[in-house]
Amino acid sequence: MLPKGFSFQTFNDGPALLLDGRVVADIVPLGDGRYRACMNPLSFSIRYAYFGSLEEAMDYVADWAVQWEDRLRDGVHVPSAL
């Protein structure tokens, strides 16, 4: 479950995770049932992770957001490794 203020919304070709209206991660389809998640898409500390399903990608991004919630709320771009 996502913390208060976080939500997935449609963004370009796939879902994005927003925090109070600010994109903190996005997920794009790559074809053949594969997806790429991009954490911190608006910063220089971008990290990509690849998945075999949209559900896996969304679960990973949600777990990442929970782990780094405080720093994301402060507007600090955070490491992406779980």
PDB file of N, CA and C in Angstrom:
ATOM      1  N   MET A   1       0.846  -1.184   0.000  1.00  0.00           N
ATOM      2  CA  MET A   1       0.000   0.000   0.000  1.00  0.00           C
ATOM      3  C   MET A   1       0.890   1.246   0.000  1.00  0.00           C
ATOM      4  N   LEU A   2       0.512   2.209  -0.800  1.00  0.00           N
ATOM      5  CA  LEU A   2       1.299   3.440  -0.904  1.00  0.00           C
ATOM      6  C   LEU A   2       0.989   4.391   0.251  1.00  0.00           C
ATOM      7  N   PRO A   3       1.992   5.099   0.720  1.00  0.00           N
ATOM      8  CA  PRO A   3       1.753   6.105   1.760  1.00  0.00           C
ATOM      9  C   PRO A   3       0.873   7.245   1.233  1.00  0.00           C
ATOM     10  N   LYS A   4       0.301   7.992   2.146  1.00  0.00           N
ATOM     11  CA  LYS A   4      -0.544   9.133   1.809  1.00  0.00           C
ATOM     12  C   LYS A   4       0.208  10.106   0.897  1.00  0.00           C
ATOM     13  N   GLY A   5      -0.481  10.589  -0.125  1.00  0.00           N
ATOM     14  CA  GLY A   5       0.104  11.546  -1.054  1.00  0.00           C
ATOM     15  C   GLY A   5       0.706  10.919  -2.295  1.00  0.00           C
ATOM     16  N   PHE A   6       0.957   9.596  -2.268  1.00  0.00           N
ATOM     17  CA  PHE A   6       1.496   8.881  -3.418  1.00  0.00           C
ATOM     18  C   PHE A   6       0.347   8.281  -4.218  1.00  0.00           C
ATOM     19  N   SER A   7       0.460   8.302  -5.534  1.00  0.00           N
ATOM     20  CA  SER A   7      -0.548   7.656  -6.376  1.00  0.00           C
ATOM     21  C   SER A   7       0.053   7.331  -7.730  1.00  0.00           C
ATOM     22  N   PHE A   8      -0.440   6.246  -8.309  1.00  0.00           N
ATOM     23  CA  PHE A   8      -0.100   5.919  -9.686  1.00  0.00           C
ATOM     24  C   PHE A   8      -1.122   6.575 -10.595  1.00  0.00           C
ATOM     25  N   GLN A   9      -0.649   7.214 -11.659  1.00  0.00           N
ATOM     26  CA  GLN A   9      -1.519   7.826 -12.650  1.00  0.00           C
ATOM     27  C   GLN A   9      -0.935   7.566 -14.029  1.00  0.00           C
ATOM     28  N   THR A  10      -1.786   7.580 -15.020  1.00  0.00           N
ATOM     29  CA  THR A  10      -1.322   7.389 -16.394  1.00  0.00           C
ATOM     30  C   THR A  10      -0.440   8.564 -16.795  1.00  0.00           C
ATOM     31  N   PHE A  11       0.688   8.236 -17.420  1.00  0.00           N
ATOM     32  CA  PHE A  11       1.667   9.251 -17.818  1.00  0.00           C
ATOM     33  C   PHE A  11       2.320   8.760 -19.103  1.00  0.00           C
ATOM     34  N   ASN A  12       2.136   9.462 -20.191  1.00  0.00           N
ATOM     35  CA  ASN A  12       2.656   9.060 -21.493  1.00  0.00           C
ATOM     36  C   ASN A  12       2.206   7.636 -21.827  1.00  0.00           C
ATOM     37  N   ASP A  13       3.134   6.688 -21.930  1.00  0.00           N
ATOM     38  CA  ASP A  13       2.807   5.324 -22.355  1.00  0.00           C
ATOM     39  C   ASP A  13       2.490   4.372 -21.208  1.00  0.00           C
ATOM     40  N   GLY A  14       2.627   4.794 -19.977  1.00  0.00           N
ATOM     41  CA  GLY A  14       2.415   3.889 -18.855  1.00  0.00           C
ATOM     42  C   GLY A  14       2.168   4.648 -17.576  1.00  0.00           C
ATOM     43  N   PRO A  15       2.148   3.944 -16.449  1.00  0.00           N
ATOM     44  CA  PRO A  15       1.887   4.608 -15.182  1.00  0.00           C
ATOM     45  C   PRO A  15       3.114   5.351 -14.659  1.00  0.00           C
ATOM     46  N   ALA A  16       2.832   6.369 -13.879  1.00  0.00           N
ATOM     47  CA  ALA A  16       3.880   7.097 -13.162  1.00  0.00           C
ATOM     48  C   ALA A  16       3.468   7.159 -11.709  1.00  0.00           C
ATOM     49  N   LEU A  17       4.456   7.172 -10.833  1.00  0.00           N
ATOM     50  CA  LEU A  17       4.189   7.354  -9.414  1.00  0.00           C
ATOM     51  C   LEU A  17       4.380   8.826  -9.101  1.00  0.00           C
ATOM     52  N   LEU A  18       3.343   9.430  -8.579  1.00  0.00           N
ATOM     53  CA  LEU A  18       3.385  10.837  -8.210  1.00  0.00           C
ATOM     54  C   LEU A  18       3.328  10.977  -6.698  1.00  0.00           C
ATOM     55  N   LEU A  19       3.997  11.982  -6.205  1.00  0.00           N
ATOM     56  CA  LEU A  19       3.913  12.376  -4.802  1.00  0.00           C
ATOM     57  C   LEU A  19       3.422  13.810  -4.791  1.00  0.00           C
ATOM     58  N   ASP A  20       2.222  13.991  -4.311  1.00  0.00           N
ATOM     59  CA  ASP A  20       1.606  15.323  -4.274  1.00  0.00           C
ATOM     60  C   ASP A  20       1.723  16.026  -5.624  1.00  0.00           C
ATOM     61  N   GLY A  21       1.475  15.282  -6.698  1.00  0.00           N
ATOM     62  CA  GLY A  21       1.469  15.844  -8.047  1.00  0.00           C
ATOM     63  C   GLY A  21       2.817  15.888  -8.738  1.00  0.00           C
ATOM     64  N   ARG A  22       3.885  15.488  -8.061  1.00  0.00           N
ATOM     65  CA  ARG A  22       5.245  15.508  -8.626  1.00  0.00           C
ATOM     66  C   ARG A  22       5.644  14.086  -9.009  1.00  0.00           C
ATOM     67  N   VAL A  23       6.094  13.900 -10.242  1.00  0.00           N
ATOM     68  CA  VAL A  23       6.515  12.577 -10.704  1.00  0.00           C
ATOM     69  C   VAL A  23       7.820  12.197 -10.014  1.00  0.00           C
ATOM     70  N   VAL A  24       7.804  11.025  -9.342  1.00  0.00           N
ATOM     71  CA  VAL A  24       9.027  10.524  -8.703  1.00  0.00           C
ATOM     72  C   VAL A  24       9.516   9.243  -9.366  1.00  0.00           C
ATOM     73  N   ALA A  25       8.653   8.605 -10.173  1.00  0.00           N
ATOM     74  CA  ALA A  25       9.043   7.402 -10.924  1.00  0.00           C
ATOM     75  C   ALA A  25       8.049   7.214 -12.054  1.00  0.00           C
ATOM     76  N   ASP A  26       8.518   6.584 -13.128  1.00  0.00           N
ATOM     77  CA  ASP A  26       7.586   6.227 -14.192  1.00  0.00           C
ATOM     78  C   ASP A  26       7.935   4.862 -14.757  1.00  0.00           C
ATOM     79  N   ILE A  27       6.960   4.260 -15.413  1.00  0.00           N
ATOM     80  CA  ILE A  27       7.110   2.918 -15.963  1.00  0.00           C
ATOM     81  C   ILE A  27       6.678   2.964 -17.419  1.00  0.00           C
ATOM     82  N   VAL A  28       7.520   2.426 -18.299  1.00  0.00           N
ATOM     83  CA  VAL A  28       7.180   2.422 -19.718  1.00  0.00           C
ATOM     84  C   VAL A  28       7.235   1.005 -20.273  1.00  0.00           C
ATOM     85  N   PRO A  29       6.292   0.691 -21.160  1.00  0.00           N
ATOM     86  CA  PRO A  29       6.332  -0.622 -21.809  1.00  0.00           C
ATOM     87  C   PRO A  29       7.440  -0.657 -22.849  1.00  0.00           C
ATOM     88  N   LEU A  30       8.141  -1.788 -22.919  1.00  0.00           N
ATOM     89  CA  LEU A  30       9.228  -1.949 -23.883  1.00  0.00           C
ATOM     90  C   LEU A  30       8.840  -2.882 -25.024  1.00  0.00           C
ATOM     91  N   GLY A  31       7.670  -3.502 -24.931  1.00  0.00           N
ATOM     92  CA  GLY A  31       7.261  -4.504 -25.894  1.00  0.00           C
ATOM     93  C   GLY A  31       7.567  -5.893 -25.371  1.00  0.00           C
ATOM     94  N   ASP A  32       6.959  -6.881 -25.976  1.00  0.00           N
ATOM     95  CA  ASP A  32       7.157  -8.278 -25.568  1.00  0.00           C
ATOM     96  C   ASP A  32       6.878  -8.502 -24.088  1.00  0.00           C
ATOM     97  N   GLY A  33       5.951  -7.716 -23.498  1.00  0.00           N
ATOM     98  CA  GLY A  33       5.579  -7.895 -22.106  1.00  0.00           C
ATOM     99  C   GLY A  33       6.604  -7.416 -21.097  1.00  0.00           C
ATOM    100  N   ARG A  34       7.595  -6.655 -21.530  1.00  0.00           N
ATOM    101  CA  ARG A  34       8.641  -6.146 -20.633  1.00  0.00           C
ATOM    102  C   ARG A  34       8.386  -4.675 -20.337  1.00  0.00           C
ATOM    103  N   TYR A  35       8.867  -4.250 -19.168  1.00  0.00           N
ATOM    104  CA  TYR A  35       8.672  -2.872 -18.719  1.00  0.00           C
ATOM    105  C   TYR A  35       9.955  -2.346 -18.104  1.00  0.00           C
ATOM    106  N   ARG A  36      10.132  -1.032 -18.216  1.00  0.00           N
ATOM    107  CA  ARG A  36      11.268  -0.360 -17.578  1.00  0.00           C
ATOM    108  C   ARG A  36      10.728   0.654 -16.591  1.00  0.00           C
ATOM    109  N   ALA A  37      11.220   0.574 -15.363  1.00  0.00           N
ATOM    110  CA  ALA A  37      10.875   1.560 -14.350  1.00  0.00           C
ATOM    111  C   ALA A  37      12.033   2.545 -14.233  1.00  0.00           C
ATOM    112  N   CYS A  38      11.696   3.793 -14.139  1.00  0.00           N
ATOM    113  CA  CYS A  38      12.693   4.851 -13.989  1.00  0.00           C
ATOM    114  C   CYS A  38      12.396   5.587 -12.685  1.00  0.00           C
ATOM    115  N   MET A  39      13.304   5.486 -11.737  1.00  0.00           N
ATOM    116  CA  MET A  39      13.154   6.200 -10.484  1.00  0.00           C
ATOM    117  C   MET A  39      13.934   7.505 -10.559  1.00  0.00           C
ATOM    118  N   ASN A  40      13.353   8.563 -10.004  1.00  0.00           N
ATOM    119  CA  ASN A  40      13.938   9.910 -10.053  1.00  0.00           C
ATOM    120  C   ASN A  40      14.073  10.417 -11.490  1.00  0.00           C
ATOM    121  N   PRO A  41      13.017  10.347 -12.294  1.00  0.00           N
ATOM    122  CA  PRO A  41      13.154  10.719 -13.709  1.00  0.00           C
ATOM    123  C   PRO A  41      13.497  12.181 -13.951  1.00  0.00           C
ATOM    124  N   LEU A  42      13.310  13.043 -12.960  1.00  0.00           N
ATOM    125  CA  LEU A  42      13.575  14.469 -13.162  1.00  0.00           C
ATOM    126  C   LEU A  42      14.876  14.912 -12.493  1.00  0.00           C
ATOM    127  N   SER A  43      15.775  13.970 -12.219  1.00  0.00           N
ATOM    128  CA  SER A  43      17.033  14.330 -11.557  1.00  0.00           C
ATOM    129  C   SER A  43      18.217  13.727 -12.296  1.00  0.00           C
ATOM    130  N   PHE A  44      19.383  13.948 -11.738  1.00  0.00           N
ATOM    131  CA  PHE A  44      20.597  13.385 -12.322  1.00  0.00           C
ATOM    132  C   PHE A  44      20.932  12.018 -11.734  1.00  0.00           C
ATOM    133  N   SER A  45      20.199  11.587 -10.704  1.00  0.00           N
ATOM    134  CA  SER A  45      20.461  10.286 -10.087  1.00  0.00           C
ATOM    135  C   SER A  45      19.431   9.250 -10.550  1.00  0.00           C
ATOM    136  N   ILE A  46      19.212   9.204 -11.833  1.00  0.00           N
ATOM    137  CA  ILE A  46      18.235   8.293 -12.419  1.00  0.00           C
ATOM    138  C   ILE A  46      18.726   6.856 -12.315  1.00  0.00           C
ATOM    139  N   ARG A  47      17.786   5.963 -11.991  1.00  0.00           N
ATOM    140  CA  ARG A  47      18.087   4.531 -11.997  1.00  0.00           C
ATOM    141  C   ARG A  47      16.986   3.816 -12.752  1.00  0.00           C
ATOM    142  N   TYR A  48      17.379   2.865 -13.574  1.00  0.00           N
ATOM    143  CA  TYR A  48      16.426   2.064 -14.329  1.00  0.00           C
ATOM    144  C   TYR A  48      16.421   0.639 -13.791  1.00  0.00           C
ATOM    145  N   ALA A  49      15.241   0.020 -13.814  1.00  0.00           N
ATOM    146  CA  ALA A  49      15.106  -1.391 -13.469  1.00  0.00           C
ATOM    147  C   ALA A  49      14.143  -2.005 -14.483  1.00  0.00           C
ATOM    148  N   TYR A  50      14.369  -3.254 -14.834  1.00  0.00           N
ATOM    149  CA  TYR A  50      13.607  -3.917 -15.897  1.00  0.00           C
ATOM    150  C   TYR A  50      12.823  -5.093 -15.333  1.00  0.00           C
ATOM    151  N   PHE A  51      11.606  -5.290 -15.874  1.00  0.00           N
ATOM    152  CA  PHE A  51      10.682  -6.279 -15.328  1.00  0.00           C
ATOM    153  C   PHE A  51       9.936  -7.003 -16.438  1.00  0.00           C
ATOM    154  N   GLY A  52       9.460  -8.203 -16.092  1.00  0.00           N
ATOM    155  CA  GLY A  52       8.711  -9.026 -17.029  1.00  0.00           C
ATOM    156  C   GLY A  52       7.218  -8.792 -17.004  1.00  0.00           C
ATOM    157  N   SER A  53       6.752  -7.918 -16.114  1.00  0.00           N
ATOM    158  CA  SER A  53       5.324  -7.593 -16.091  1.00  0.00           C
ATOM    159  C   SER A  53       5.119  -6.210 -15.488  1.00  0.00           C
ATOM    160  N   LEU A  54       3.995  -5.622 -15.822  1.00  0.00           N
ATOM    161  CA  LEU A  54       3.650  -4.318 -15.271  1.00  0.00           C
ATOM    162  C   LEU A  54       3.464  -4.425 -13.754  1.00  0.00           C
ATOM    163  N   GLU A  55       2.857  -5.495 -13.296  1.00  0.00           N
ATOM    164  CA  GLU A  55       2.627  -5.673 -11.863  1.00  0.00           C
ATOM    165  C   GLU A  55       3.949  -5.704 -11.091  1.00  0.00           C
ATOM    166  N   GLU A  56       4.937  -6.436 -11.608  1.00  0.00           N
ATOM    167  CA  GLU A  56       6.257  -6.477 -10.957  1.00  0.00           C
ATOM    168  C   GLU A  56       6.872  -5.085 -10.878  1.00  0.00           C
ATOM    169  N   ALA A  57       6.783  -4.344 -11.970  1.00  0.00           N
ATOM    170  CA  ALA A  57       7.353  -2.997 -12.015  1.00  0.00           C
ATOM    171  C   ALA A  57       6.669  -2.078 -11.015  1.00  0.00           C
ATOM    172  N   MET A  58       5.349  -2.125 -10.960  1.00  0.00           N
ATOM    173  CA  MET A  58       4.612  -1.265 -10.037  1.00  0.00           C
ATOM    174  C   MET A  58       4.899  -1.649  -8.587  1.00  0.00           C
ATOM    175  N   ASP A  59       4.998  -2.934  -8.293  1.00  0.00           N
ATOM    176  CA  ASP A  59       5.331  -3.369  -6.934  1.00  0.00           C
ATOM    177  C   ASP A  59       6.716  -2.872  -6.521  1.00  0.00           C
ATOM    178  N   TYR A  60       7.687  -2.972  -7.428  1.00  0.00           N
ATOM    179  CA  TYR A  60       9.046  -2.521  -7.146  1.00  0.00           C
ATOM    180  C   TYR A  60       9.062  -1.020  -6.861  1.00  0.00           C
ATOM    181  N   VAL A  61       8.398  -0.249  -7.718  1.00  0.00           N
ATOM    182  CA  VAL A  61       8.366   1.200  -7.553  1.00  0.00           C
ATOM    183  C   VAL A  61       7.664   1.574  -6.244  1.00  0.00           C
ATOM    184  N   ALA A  62       6.584   0.886  -5.918  1.00  0.00           N
ATOM    185  CA  ALA A  62       5.880   1.164  -4.664  1.00  0.00           C
ATOM    186  C   ALA A  62       6.781   0.860  -3.459  1.00  0.00           C
ATOM    187  N   ASP A  63       7.493  -0.267  -3.488  1.00  0.00           N
ATOM    188  CA  ASP A  63       8.410  -0.611  -2.398  1.00  0.00           C
ATOM    189  C   ASP A  63       9.523   0.427  -2.274  1.00  0.00           C
ATOM    190  N   TRP A  64      10.042   0.869  -3.408  1.00  0.00           N
ATOM    191  CA  TRP A  64      11.086   1.901  -3.424  1.00  0.00           C
ATOM    192  C   TRP A  64      10.568   3.184  -2.785  1.00  0.00           C
ATOM    193  N   ALA A  65       9.339   3.570  -3.122  1.00  0.00           N
ATOM    194  CA  ALA A  65       8.761   4.808  -2.581  1.00  0.00           C
ATOM    195  C   ALA A  65       8.559   4.713  -1.071  1.00  0.00           C
ATOM    196  N   VAL A  66       8.121   3.564  -0.594  1.00  0.00           N
ATOM    197  CA  VAL A  66       7.949   3.380   0.854  1.00  0.00           C
ATOM    198  C   VAL A  66       9.292   3.501   1.559  1.00  0.00           C
ATOM    199  N   GLN A  67      10.320   2.877   0.988  1.00  0.00           N
ATOM    200  CA  GLN A  67      11.650   2.914   1.597  1.00  0.00           C
ATOM    201  C   GLN A  67      12.194   4.331   1.686  1.00  0.00           C
ATOM    202  N   TRP A  68      11.958   5.129   0.670  1.00  0.00           N
ATOM    203  CA  TRP A  68      12.550   6.465   0.591  1.00  0.00           C
ATOM    204  C   TRP A  68      11.526   7.584   0.795  1.00  0.00           C
ATOM    205  N   GLU A  69      10.408   7.260   1.413  1.00  0.00           N
ATOM    206  CA  GLU A  69       9.310   8.225   1.554  1.00  0.00           C
ATOM    207  C   GLU A  69       9.749   9.557   2.136  1.00  0.00           C
ATOM    208  N   ASP A  70      10.461   9.559   3.250  1.00  0.00           N
ATOM    209  CA  ASP A  70      10.833  10.818   3.901  1.00  0.00           C
ATOM    210  C   ASP A  70      11.669  11.699   2.987  1.00  0.00           C
ATOM    211  N   ARG A  71      12.644  11.114   2.326  1.00  0.00           N
ATOM    212  CA  ARG A  71      13.503  11.908   1.438  1.00  0.00           C
ATOM    213  C   ARG A  71      12.742  12.389   0.213  1.00  0.00           C
ATOM    214  N   LEU A  72      11.836  11.561  -0.301  1.00  0.00           N
ATOM    215  CA  LEU A  72      11.023  11.996  -1.436  1.00  0.00           C
ATOM    216  C   LEU A  72      10.124  13.161  -1.034  1.00  0.00           C
ATOM    217  N   ARG A  73       9.560  13.108   0.153  1.00  0.00           N
ATOM    218  CA  ARG A  73       8.721  14.219   0.631  1.00  0.00           C
ATOM    219  C   ARG A  73       9.523  15.509   0.774  1.00  0.00           C
ATOM    220  N   ASP A  74      10.786  15.381   1.144  1.00  0.00           N
ATOM    221  CA  ASP A  74      11.646  16.558   1.292  1.00  0.00           C
ATOM    222  C   ASP A  74      12.123  17.097  -0.052  1.00  0.00           C
ATOM    223  N   GLY A  75      11.795  16.374  -1.131  1.00  0.00           N
ATOM    224  CA  GLY A  75      12.211  16.815  -2.450  1.00  0.00           C
ATOM    225  C   GLY A  75      13.624  16.411  -2.788  1.00  0.00           C
ATOM    226  N   VAL A  76      14.205  15.538  -1.976  1.00  0.00           N
ATOM    227  CA  VAL A  76      15.566  15.058  -2.208  1.00  0.00           C
ATOM    228  C   VAL A  76      15.502  13.846  -3.124  1.00  0.00           C
ATOM    229  N   HIS A  77      16.289  13.839  -4.147  1.00  0.00           N
ATOM    230  CA  HIS A  77      16.343  12.669  -5.026  1.00  0.00           C
ATOM    231  C   HIS A  77      17.184  11.609  -4.336  1.00  0.00           C
ATOM    232  N   VAL A  78      16.698  10.400  -4.394  1.00  0.00           N
ATOM    233  CA  VAL A  78      17.264   9.350  -3.546  1.00  0.00           C
ATOM    234  C   VAL A  78      17.862   8.223  -4.384  1.00  0.00           C
ATOM    235  N   PRO A  79      18.721   7.426  -3.762  1.00  0.00           N
ATOM    236  CA  PRO A  79      19.208   6.223  -4.436  1.00  0.00           C
ATOM    237  C   PRO A  79      18.039   5.309  -4.754  1.00  0.00           C
ATOM    238  N   SER A  80      18.179   4.497  -5.757  1.00  0.00           N
ATOM    239  CA  SER A  80      17.072   3.660  -6.191  1.00  0.00           C
ATOM    240  C   SER A  80      17.205   2.208  -5.773  1.00  0.00           C
ATOM    241  N   ALA A  81      18.341   1.791  -5.326  1.00  0.00           N
ATOM    242  CA  ALA A  81      18.496   0.380  -4.953  1.00  0.00           C
ATOM    243  C   ALA A  81      17.699   0.090  -3.690  1.00  0.00           C
ATOM    244  N   LEU A  82      17.040  -1.060  -3.681  1.00  0.00           N
ATOM    245  CA  LEU A  82      16.288  -1.461  -2.488  1.00  0.00           C
ATOM    246  C   LEU A  82      17.175  -2.259  -1.563  1.00  0.00           C
TER     247      LEU A  82
END
